[in-house]
């Protein structure tokens, strides 16, 4: 039986206070990669990073589209997403 994978769009708070947005199909593995310096070039010099928000999607395409939409948001709009609901 094939296991269906989830896809995630996520926000990280970097050590310098900046916000990074990305997508993955394994949050734990991706967060570990960012904090070990094997993630995005942007986060390598801004460690440690902290997962502050994520959304789950059924398809990679949906996660990537949401990532694109979030990257177009202002910093204030991204911070609103990060607030507890």
PDB file of N, CA and C in Angstrom:
ATOM      1  N   UNK A   1       0.840  -1.186   0.000  1.00  0.00           N
ATOM      2  CA  UNK A   1       0.000   0.000   0.000  1.00  0.00           C
ATOM      3  C   UNK A   1       0.886   1.251   0.000  1.00  0.00           C
ATOM      4  N   UNK A   2       0.604   2.181  -0.881  1.00  0.00           N
ATOM      5  CA  UNK A   2       1.384   3.407  -0.995  1.00  0.00           C
ATOM      6  C   UNK A   2       0.940   4.415   0.061  1.00  0.00           C
ATOM      7  N   UNK A   3       1.917   4.985   0.755  1.00  0.00           N
ATOM      8  CA  UNK A   3       1.631   5.998   1.773  1.00  0.00           C
ATOM      9  C   UNK A   3       1.538   7.363   1.106  1.00  0.00           C
ATOM     10  N   UNK A   4       0.464   8.065   1.374  1.00  0.00           N
ATOM     11  CA  UNK A   4       0.274   9.395   0.793  1.00  0.00           C
ATOM     12  C   UNK A   4       1.048  10.413   1.625  1.00  0.00           C
ATOM     13  N   UNK A   5       1.859  11.189   0.966  1.00  0.00           N
ATOM     14  CA  UNK A   5       2.663  12.200   1.649  1.00  0.00           C
ATOM     15  C   UNK A   5       1.928  13.525   1.682  1.00  0.00           C
ATOM     16  N   UNK A   6       2.102  14.226   2.778  1.00  0.00           N
ATOM     17  CA  UNK A   6       1.573  15.580   2.881  1.00  0.00           C
ATOM     18  C   UNK A   6       2.647  16.545   2.409  1.00  0.00           C
ATOM     19  N   UNK A   7       2.230  17.707   2.040  1.00  0.00           N
ATOM     20  CA  UNK A   7       3.136  18.774   1.619  1.00  0.00           C
ATOM     21  C   UNK A   7       2.844  19.989   2.485  1.00  0.00           C
ATOM     22  N   UNK A   8       3.893  20.717   2.817  1.00  0.00           N
ATOM     23  CA  UNK A   8       3.750  21.818   3.758  1.00  0.00           C
ATOM     24  C   UNK A   8       4.384  23.096   3.208  1.00  0.00           C
ATOM     25  N   UNK A   9       3.755  24.206   3.506  1.00  0.00           N
ATOM     26  CA  UNK A   9       4.348  25.526   3.334  1.00  0.00           C
ATOM     27  C   UNK A   9       4.636  26.006   4.750  1.00  0.00           C
ATOM     28  N   UNK A  10       5.819  26.572   4.970  1.00  0.00           N
ATOM     29  CA  UNK A  10       6.199  26.906   6.341  1.00  0.00           C
ATOM     30  C   UNK A  10       6.915  28.248   6.416  1.00  0.00           C
ATOM     31  N   UNK A  11       6.889  28.808   7.624  1.00  0.00           N
ATOM     32  CA  UNK A  11       7.635  30.029   7.924  1.00  0.00           C
ATOM     33  C   UNK A  11       8.611  29.736   9.057  1.00  0.00           C
ATOM     34  N   UNK A  12       9.827  30.236   8.899  1.00  0.00           N
ATOM     35  CA  UNK A  12      10.847  30.125   9.939  1.00  0.00           C
ATOM     36  C   UNK A  12      11.203  31.514  10.431  1.00  0.00           C
ATOM     37  N   UNK A  13      11.452  31.622  11.722  1.00  0.00           N
ATOM     38  CA  UNK A  13      12.020  32.859  12.267  1.00  0.00           C
ATOM     39  C   UNK A  13      13.507  32.593  12.423  1.00  0.00           C
ATOM     40  N   UNK A  14      14.308  33.409  11.771  1.00  0.00           N
ATOM     41  CA  UNK A  14      15.756  33.253  11.819  1.00  0.00           C
ATOM     42  C   UNK A  14      16.329  33.980  13.035  1.00  0.00           C
ATOM     43  N   UNK A  15      17.565  33.640  13.397  1.00  0.00           N
ATOM     44  CA  UNK A  15      18.211  34.232  14.569  1.00  0.00           C
ATOM     45  C   UNK A  15      18.317  35.750  14.471  1.00  0.00           C
ATOM     46  N   UNK A  16      18.385  36.287  13.256  1.00  0.00           N
ATOM     47  CA  UNK A  16      18.485  37.744  13.083  1.00  0.00           C
ATOM     48  C   UNK A  16      17.116  38.427  13.044  1.00  0.00           C
ATOM     49  N   UNK A  17      16.043  37.644  13.268  1.00  0.00           N
ATOM     50  CA  UNK A  17      14.693  38.201  13.294  1.00  0.00           C
ATOM     51  C   UNK A  17      13.998  38.193  11.950  1.00  0.00           C
ATOM     52  N   UNK A  18      14.699  37.818  10.895  1.00  0.00           N
ATOM     53  CA  UNK A  18      14.064  37.766   9.574  1.00  0.00           C
ATOM     54  C   UNK A  18      13.164  36.533   9.472  1.00  0.00           C
ATOM     55  N   UNK A  19      12.324  36.529   8.451  1.00  0.00           N
ATOM     56  CA  UNK A  19      11.359  35.450   8.240  1.00  0.00           C
ATOM     57  C   UNK A  19      11.679  34.770   6.911  1.00  0.00           C
ATOM     58  N   UNK A  20      11.736  33.447   6.934  1.00  0.00           N
ATOM     59  CA  UNK A  20      11.997  32.664   5.722  1.00  0.00           C
ATOM     60  C   UNK A  20      10.775  31.803   5.427  1.00  0.00           C
ATOM     61  N   UNK A  21      10.385  31.726   4.168  1.00  0.00           N
ATOM     62  CA  UNK A  21       9.256  30.909   3.740  1.00  0.00           C
ATOM     63  C   UNK A  21       9.756  29.832   2.782  1.00  0.00           C
ATOM     64  N   UNK A  22       9.248  28.618   2.946  1.00  0.00           N
ATOM     65  CA  UNK A  22       9.605  27.521   2.058  1.00  0.00           C
ATOM     66  C   UNK A  22       8.506  26.481   2.017  1.00  0.00           C
ATOM     67  N   UNK A  23       8.764  25.394   1.293  1.00  0.00           N
ATOM     68  CA  UNK A  23       7.819  24.280   1.255  1.00  0.00           C
ATOM     69  C   UNK A  23       8.615  22.981   1.350  1.00  0.00           C
ATOM     70  N   UNK A  24       7.971  21.931   1.824  1.00  0.00           N
ATOM     71  CA  UNK A  24       8.610  20.628   1.981  1.00  0.00           C
ATOM     72  C   UNK A  24       7.549  19.547   2.084  1.00  0.00           C
ATOM     73  N   UNK A  25       7.979  18.294   2.024  1.00  0.00           N
ATOM     74  CA  UNK A  25       7.055  17.197   2.290  1.00  0.00           C
ATOM     75  C   UNK A  25       7.402  16.505   3.609  1.00  0.00           C
ATOM     76  N   UNK A  26       8.382  17.042   4.342  1.00  0.00           N
ATOM     77  CA  UNK A  26       8.733  16.517   5.674  1.00  0.00           C
ATOM     78  C   UNK A  26       9.263  17.669   6.526  1.00  0.00           C
ATOM     79  N   UNK A  27       8.410  18.207   7.367  1.00  0.00           N
ATOM     80  CA  UNK A  27       8.778  19.379   8.183  1.00  0.00           C
ATOM     81  C   UNK A  27       9.967  19.114   9.095  1.00  0.00           C
ATOM     82  N   UNK A  28       9.949  17.990   9.805  1.00  0.00           N
ATOM     83  CA  UNK A  28      11.010  17.710  10.774  1.00  0.00           C
ATOM     84  C   UNK A  28      12.375  17.627  10.084  1.00  0.00           C
ATOM     85  N   UNK A  29      12.421  16.900   8.981  1.00  0.00           N
ATOM     86  CA  UNK A  29      13.669  16.731   8.239  1.00  0.00           C
ATOM     87  C   UNK A  29      14.166  18.068   7.685  1.00  0.00           C
ATOM     88  N   UNK A  30      13.260  18.870   7.169  1.00  0.00           N
ATOM     89  CA  UNK A  30      13.636  20.156   6.582  1.00  0.00           C
ATOM     90  C   UNK A  30      14.122  21.136   7.643  1.00  0.00           C
ATOM     91  N   UNK A  31      13.451  21.172   8.792  1.00  0.00           N
ATOM     92  CA  UNK A  31      13.878  22.051   9.882  1.00  0.00           C
ATOM     93  C   UNK A  31      15.275  21.654  10.357  1.00  0.00           C
ATOM     94  N   UNK A  32      15.510  20.367  10.491  1.00  0.00           N
ATOM     95  CA  UNK A  32      16.827  19.878  10.897  1.00  0.00           C
ATOM     96  C   UNK A  32      17.889  20.301   9.860  1.00  0.00           C
ATOM     97  N   UNK A  33      17.561  20.163   8.578  1.00  0.00           N
ATOM     98  CA  UNK A  33      18.499  20.557   7.523  1.00  0.00           C
ATOM     99  C   UNK A  33      18.834  22.051   7.610  1.00  0.00           C
ATOM    100  N   UNK A  34      17.828  22.884   7.821  1.00  0.00           N
ATOM    101  CA  UNK A  34      18.075  24.337   7.958  1.00  0.00           C
ATOM    102  C   UNK A  34      19.015  24.602   9.126  1.00  0.00           C
ATOM    103  N   UNK A  35      18.772  23.968  10.265  1.00  0.00           N
ATOM    104  CA  UNK A  35      19.578  24.228  11.457  1.00  0.00           C
ATOM    105  C   UNK A  35      20.964  23.597  11.404  1.00  0.00           C
ATOM    106  N   UNK A  36      21.167  22.649  10.502  1.00  0.00           N
ATOM    107  CA  UNK A  36      22.491  22.046  10.327  1.00  0.00           C
ATOM    108  C   UNK A  36      23.264  22.725   9.200  1.00  0.00           C
ATOM    109  N   UNK A  37      22.690  23.767   8.611  1.00  0.00           N
ATOM    110  CA  UNK A  37      23.369  24.496   7.545  1.00  0.00           C
ATOM    111  C   UNK A  37      23.245  23.838   6.188  1.00  0.00           C
ATOM    112  N   UNK A  38      22.348  22.864   6.053  1.00  0.00           N
ATOM    113  CA  UNK A  38      22.142  22.172   4.785  1.00  0.00           C
ATOM    114  C   UNK A  38      20.834  22.588   4.124  1.00  0.00           C
ATOM    115  N   UNK A  39      20.173  23.593   4.681  1.00  0.00           N
ATOM    116  CA  UNK A  39      18.916  24.084   4.109  1.00  0.00           C
ATOM    117  C   UNK A  39      19.200  25.136   3.060  1.00  0.00           C
ATOM    118  N   UNK A  40      18.351  26.090   2.955  1.00  0.00           N
ATOM    119  CA  UNK A  40      18.508  27.164   1.977  1.00  0.00           C
ATOM    120  C   UNK A  40      19.734  28.024   2.294  1.00  0.00           C
ATOM    121  N   UNK A  41      20.323  28.568   1.264  1.00  0.00           N
ATOM    122  CA  UNK A  41      21.482  29.448   1.436  1.00  0.00           C
ATOM    123  C   UNK A  41      21.132  30.615   2.363  1.00  0.00           C
ATOM    124  N   UNK A  42      19.899  31.116   2.241  1.00  0.00           N
ATOM    125  CA  UNK A  42      19.454  32.252   3.061  1.00  0.00           C
ATOM    126  C   UNK A  42      19.565  31.957   4.556  1.00  0.00           C
ATOM    127  N   UNK A  43      19.217  30.738   4.970  1.00  0.00           N
ATOM    128  CA  UNK A  43      19.184  30.425   6.407  1.00  0.00           C
ATOM    129  C   UNK A  43      20.536  30.005   6.968  1.00  0.00           C
ATOM    130  N   UNK A  44      21.493  29.667   6.120  1.00  0.00           N
ATOM    131  CA  UNK A  44      22.794  29.168   6.600  1.00  0.00           C
ATOM    132  C   UNK A  44      23.489  30.129   7.558  1.00  0.00           C
ATOM    133  N   UNK A  45      23.462  31.398   7.251  1.00  0.00           N
ATOM    134  CA  UNK A  45      24.116  32.388   8.096  1.00  0.00           C
ATOM    135  C   UNK A  45      23.189  33.017   9.117  1.00  0.00           C
ATOM    136  N   UNK A  46      22.001  32.473   9.251  1.00  0.00           N
ATOM    137  CA  UNK A  46      20.999  33.064  10.156  1.00  0.00           C
ATOM    138  C   UNK A  46      20.485  32.031  11.154  1.00  0.00           C
ATOM    139  N   UNK A  47      21.307  31.078  11.499  1.00  0.00           N
ATOM    140  CA  UNK A  47      20.907  30.019  12.426  1.00  0.00           C
ATOM    141  C   UNK A  47      21.111  30.446  13.864  1.00  0.00           C
ATOM    142  N   UNK A  48      20.357  29.836  14.789  1.00  0.00           N
ATOM    143  CA  UNK A  48      19.344  28.800  14.558  1.00  0.00           C
ATOM    144  C   UNK A  48      18.041  29.409  14.041  1.00  0.00           C
ATOM    145  N   UNK A  49      17.263  28.555  13.388  1.00  0.00           N
ATOM    146  CA  UNK A  49      15.946  28.965  12.914  1.00  0.00           C
ATOM    147  C   UNK A  49      14.883  28.209  13.703  1.00  0.00           C
ATOM    148  N   UNK A  50      13.708  28.817  13.776  1.00  0.00           N
ATOM    149  CA  UNK A  50      12.603  28.240  14.542  1.00  0.00           C
ATOM    150  C   UNK A  50      11.361  28.177  13.656  1.00  0.00           C
ATOM    151  N   UNK A  51      10.718  27.025  13.626  1.00  0.00           N
ATOM    152  CA  UNK A  51       9.467  26.878  12.882  1.00  0.00           C
ATOM    153  C   UNK A  51       8.384  27.643  13.628  1.00  0.00           C
ATOM    154  N   UNK A  52       7.757  28.617  12.962  1.00  0.00           N
ATOM    155  CA  UNK A  52       6.752  29.440  13.623  1.00  0.00           C
ATOM    156  C   UNK A  52       5.372  29.323  12.994  1.00  0.00           C
ATOM    157  N   UNK A  53       5.280  28.683  11.811  1.00  0.00           N
ATOM    158  CA  UNK A  53       3.986  28.560  11.148  1.00  0.00           C
ATOM    159  C   UNK A  53       4.096  27.539  10.022  1.00  0.00           C
ATOM    160  N   UNK A  54       3.017  26.779   9.831  1.00  0.00           N
ATOM    161  CA  UNK A  54       2.959  25.912   8.658  1.00  0.00           C
ATOM    162  C   UNK A  54       1.516  25.641   8.272  1.00  0.00           C
ATOM    163  N   UNK A  55       1.335  25.278   7.019  1.00  0.00           N
ATOM    164  CA  UNK A  55       0.047  24.857   6.483  1.00  0.00           C
ATOM    165  C   UNK A  55       0.280  23.539   5.752  1.00  0.00           C
ATOM    166  N   UNK A  56      -0.703  22.656   5.795  1.00  0.00           N
ATOM    167  CA  UNK A  56      -0.588  21.349   5.150  1.00  0.00           C
ATOM    168  C   UNK A  56      -1.448  21.299   3.889  1.00  0.00           C
ATOM    169  N   UNK A  57      -0.909  20.670   2.849  1.00  0.00           N
ATOM    170  CA  UNK A  57      -1.604  20.552   1.565  1.00  0.00           C
ATOM    171  C   UNK A  57      -1.517  19.121   1.052  1.00  0.00           C
ATOM    172  N   UNK A  58      -2.477  18.749   0.216  1.00  0.00           N
ATOM    173  CA  UNK A  58      -2.494  17.404  -0.357  1.00  0.00           C
ATOM    174  C   UNK A  58      -1.474  17.249  -1.472  1.00  0.00           C
ATOM    175  N   UNK A  59      -1.179  18.340  -2.186  1.00  0.00           N
ATOM    176  CA  UNK A  59      -0.269  18.235  -3.325  1.00  0.00           C
ATOM    177  C   UNK A  59       0.902  19.206  -3.211  1.00  0.00           C
ATOM    178  N   UNK A  60       1.981  18.837  -3.874  1.00  0.00           N
ATOM    179  CA  UNK A  60       3.166  19.681  -3.942  1.00  0.00           C
ATOM    180  C   UNK A  60       2.825  21.011  -4.614  1.00  0.00           C
ATOM    181  N   UNK A  61       2.030  20.943  -5.663  1.00  0.00           N
ATOM    182  CA  UNK A  61       1.653  22.149  -6.399  1.00  0.00           C
ATOM    183  C   UNK A  61       0.952  23.169  -5.493  1.00  0.00           C
ATOM    184  N   UNK A  62       0.011  22.698  -4.672  1.00  0.00           N
ATOM    185  CA  UNK A  62      -0.701  23.605  -3.755  1.00  0.00           C
ATOM    186  C   UNK A  62       0.272  24.249  -2.771  1.00  0.00           C
ATOM    187  N   UNK A  63       1.191  23.454  -2.232  1.00  0.00           N
ATOM    188  CA  UNK A  63       2.164  23.981  -1.266  1.00  0.00           C
ATOM    189  C   UNK A  63       3.059  25.026  -1.922  1.00  0.00           C
ATOM    190  N   UNK A  64       3.478  24.762  -3.153  1.00  0.00           N
ATOM    191  CA  UNK A  64       4.350  25.702  -3.855  1.00  0.00           C
ATOM    192  C   UNK A  64       3.602  26.981  -4.227  1.00  0.00           C
ATOM    193  N   UNK A  65       2.340  26.862  -4.578  1.00  0.00           N
ATOM    194  CA  UNK A  65       1.536  28.051  -4.889  1.00  0.00           C
ATOM    195  C   UNK A  65       1.347  28.911  -3.643  1.00  0.00           C
ATOM    196  N   UNK A  66       1.119  28.254  -2.504  1.00  0.00           N
ATOM    197  CA  UNK A  66       0.949  29.006  -1.260  1.00  0.00           C
ATOM    198  C   UNK A  66       2.263  29.682  -0.865  1.00  0.00           C
ATOM    199  N   UNK A  67       3.375  28.990  -1.049  1.00  0.00           N
ATOM    200  CA  UNK A  67       4.685  29.589  -0.775  1.00  0.00           C
ATOM    201  C   UNK A  67       4.853  30.861  -1.595  1.00  0.00           C
ATOM    202  N   UNK A  68       4.522  30.802  -2.851  1.00  0.00           N
ATOM    203  CA  UNK A  68       4.634  31.959  -3.740  1.00  0.00           C
ATOM    204  C   UNK A  68       3.754  33.110  -3.248  1.00  0.00           C
ATOM    205  N   UNK A  69       2.540  32.788  -2.833  1.00  0.00           N
ATOM    206  CA  UNK A  69       1.614  33.815  -2.342  1.00  0.00           C
ATOM    207  C   UNK A  69       2.133  34.455  -1.057  1.00  0.00           C
ATOM    208  N   UNK A  70       2.672  33.637  -0.151  1.00  0.00           N
ATOM    209  CA  UNK A  70       3.191  34.162   1.112  1.00  0.00           C
ATOM    210  C   UNK A  70       4.411  35.045   0.864  1.00  0.00           C
ATOM    211  N   UNK A  71       5.259  34.657  -0.059  1.00  0.00           N
ATOM    212  CA  UNK A  71       6.453  35.452  -0.351  1.00  0.00           C
ATOM    213  C   UNK A  71       6.098  36.833  -0.893  1.00  0.00           C
ATOM    214  N   UNK A  72       4.922  36.989  -1.445  1.00  0.00           N
ATOM    215  CA  UNK A  72       4.472  38.295  -1.945  1.00  0.00           C
ATOM    216  C   UNK A  72       3.871  39.160  -0.837  1.00  0.00           C
ATOM    217  N   UNK A  73       3.637  38.565   0.330  1.00  0.00           N
ATOM    218  CA  UNK A  73       3.037  39.301   1.453  1.00  0.00           C
ATOM    219  C   UNK A  73       4.062  40.243   2.082  1.00  0.00           C
ATOM    220  N   UNK A  74       3.550  41.244   2.763  1.00  0.00           N
ATOM    221  CA  UNK A  74       4.419  42.140   3.527  1.00  0.00           C
ATOM    222  C   UNK A  74       4.869  41.417   4.801  1.00  0.00           C
ATOM    223  N   UNK A  75       5.888  41.961   5.427  1.00  0.00           N
ATOM    224  CA  UNK A  75       6.362  41.392   6.693  1.00  0.00           C
ATOM    225  C   UNK A  75       5.233  41.364   7.729  1.00  0.00           C
ATOM    226  N   UNK A  76       4.459  42.445   7.775  1.00  0.00           N
ATOM    227  CA  UNK A  76       3.351  42.522   8.737  1.00  0.00           C
ATOM    228  C   UNK A  76       2.326  41.408   8.491  1.00  0.00           C
ATOM    229  N   UNK A  77       2.001  41.145   7.235  1.00  0.00           N
ATOM    230  CA  UNK A  77       1.055  40.082   6.908  1.00  0.00           C
ATOM    231  C   UNK A  77       1.593  38.710   7.300  1.00  0.00           C
ATOM    232  N   UNK A  78       2.893  38.501   7.101  1.00  0.00           N
ATOM    233  CA  UNK A  78       3.517  37.236   7.516  1.00  0.00           C
ATOM    234  C   UNK A  78       3.477  37.100   9.037  1.00  0.00           C
ATOM    235  N   UNK A  79       3.709  38.183   9.742  1.00  0.00           N
ATOM    236  CA  UNK A  79       3.664  38.149  11.200  1.00  0.00           C
ATOM    237  C   UNK A  79       2.253  37.827  11.695  1.00  0.00           C
ATOM    238  N   UNK A  80       1.239  38.305  10.988  1.00  0.00           N
ATOM    239  CA  UNK A  80      -0.147  37.990  11.341  1.00  0.00           C
ATOM    240  C   UNK A  80      -0.409  36.496  11.225  1.00  0.00           C
ATOM    241  N   UNK A  81       0.159  35.852  10.211  1.00  0.00           N
ATOM    242  CA  UNK A  81       0.010  34.404  10.064  1.00  0.00           C
ATOM    243  C   UNK A  81       0.618  33.677  11.263  1.00  0.00           C
ATOM    244  N   UNK A  82       1.718  34.214  11.782  1.00  0.00           N
ATOM    245  CA  UNK A  82       2.464  33.557  12.855  1.00  0.00           C
ATOM    246  C   UNK A  82       1.798  33.671  14.217  1.00  0.00           C
ATOM    247  N   UNK A  83       0.804  34.516  14.342  1.00  0.00           N
ATOM    248  CA  UNK A  83       0.137  34.693  15.632  1.00  0.00           C
ATOM    249  C   UNK A  83      -0.688  33.459  15.986  1.00  0.00           C
ATOM    250  N   UNK A  84      -0.740  33.107  17.279  1.00  0.00           N
ATOM    251  CA  UNK A  84      -1.580  31.961  17.694  1.00  0.00           C
ATOM    252  C   UNK A  84      -3.038  32.237  17.369  1.00  0.00           C
ATOM    253  N   UNK A  85      -3.726  31.220  16.971  1.00  0.00           N
ATOM    254  CA  UNK A  85      -5.143  31.368  16.611  1.00  0.00           C
ATOM    255  C   UNK A  85      -6.029  31.179  17.819  1.00  0.00           C
TER     256      UNK A  85
END
